[in-house]
Amino acid sequence: MNATEQTPPAKLKRLNRLVETVCGIYARVARRLGVHRSFVSRVAKGERRSEPVERALMAEYERMDER
């Protein structure tokens, strides 16, 4: 990273992109499976268990990892 990418506004912008990406993943999985986005979030955090949600999250992760 260069010096410009280390400024607080740049860091916040990057953080916001990461949050939007994660929220997008949760929303896509939720729509696909017909569940609420917050349920997907809780499964991702380990607070709840759901095999279909876990499989869908792993598929999204692998898809993003290929990029």
Protein backbone atom coordinates (compact mmCIF):
# COMPACT_ATOMS: atom_id res chain seq x y z
CA MET A 1 0.00 0.00 0.00
CA ASN A 2 1.18 3.48 -0.72
CA ALA A 3 0.98 6.43 1.68
CA THR A 4 -2.34 7.65 0.22
CA GLU A 5 -4.00 4.31 1.04
CA GLN A 6 -2.97 4.73 4.71
CA THR A 7 -4.90 7.93 5.43
CA PRO A 8 -7.95 7.62 7.69
CA PRO A 9 -10.41 8.50 4.88
CA ALA A 10 -8.83 5.89 2.61
CA LYS A 11 -8.93 3.27 5.33
CA LEU A 12 -12.59 4.02 6.04
CA LYS A 13 -13.40 3.81 2.33
CA ARG A 14 -11.68 0.42 2.10
CA LEU A 15 -13.45 -0.78 5.26
CA ASN A 16 -16.80 0.31 3.81
CA ARG A 17 -16.12 -1.69 0.62
CA LEU A 18 -15.33 -4.78 2.71
CA VAL A 19 -18.51 -4.39 4.77
CA GLU A 20 -20.61 -3.92 1.63
CA THR A 21 -19.07 -7.06 0.14
CA VAL A 22 -19.89 -9.13 3.21
CA CYS A 23 -23.41 -7.72 3.42
CA GLY A 24 -23.84 -8.49 -0.27
CA ILE A 25 -22.83 -12.10 0.30
CA TYR A 26 -25.27 -12.46 3.19
CA ALA A 27 -28.06 -10.86 1.14
CA ARG A 28 -27.44 -13.12 -1.90
CA VAL A 29 -27.42 -16.25 0.26
CA ALA A 30 -30.56 -15.12 2.10
CA ARG A 31 -32.45 -14.44 -1.14
CA ARG A 32 -31.34 -17.73 -2.66
CA LEU A 33 -32.47 -19.74 0.37
CA GLY A 34 -35.52 -17.67 1.33
CA VAL A 35 -34.25 -16.73 4.80
CA HIS A 36 -33.52 -13.42 6.49
CA ARG A 37 -30.10 -11.81 6.04
CA SER A 38 -29.65 -11.61 9.80
CA PHE A 39 -30.05 -15.39 10.05
CA VAL A 40 -27.28 -15.84 7.48
CA SER A 41 -25.12 -13.47 9.52
CA ARG A 42 -25.74 -15.46 12.70
CA VAL A 43 -24.84 -18.71 10.93
CA ALA A 44 -21.65 -17.11 9.63
CA LYS A 45 -20.74 -16.01 13.18
CA GLY A 46 -21.42 -19.50 14.54
CA GLU A 47 -24.38 -18.41 16.65
CA ARG A 48 -26.74 -20.65 14.68
CA ARG A 49 -26.37 -23.84 12.64
CA SER A 50 -27.80 -24.45 9.19
CA GLU A 51 -26.19 -26.83 6.71
CA PRO A 52 -27.82 -25.18 3.64
CA VAL A 53 -26.70 -21.71 4.74
CA GLU A 54 -23.20 -22.93 5.56
CA ARG A 55 -22.90 -24.62 2.14
CA ALA A 56 -24.15 -21.49 0.38
CA LEU A 57 -21.70 -19.29 2.32
CA MET A 58 -18.82 -21.62 1.43
CA ALA A 59 -19.86 -21.54 -2.24
CA GLU A 60 -19.86 -17.73 -2.18
CA TYR A 61 -16.48 -17.71 -0.45
CA GLU A 62 -14.99 -20.07 -3.04
CA ARG A 63 -16.50 -18.02 -5.86
CA MET A 64 -14.93 -14.83 -4.48
CA ASP A 65 -11.63 -16.61 -3.79
CA GLU A 66 -11.36 -17.48 -7.49
CA ARG A 67 -11.24 -13.79 -8.45
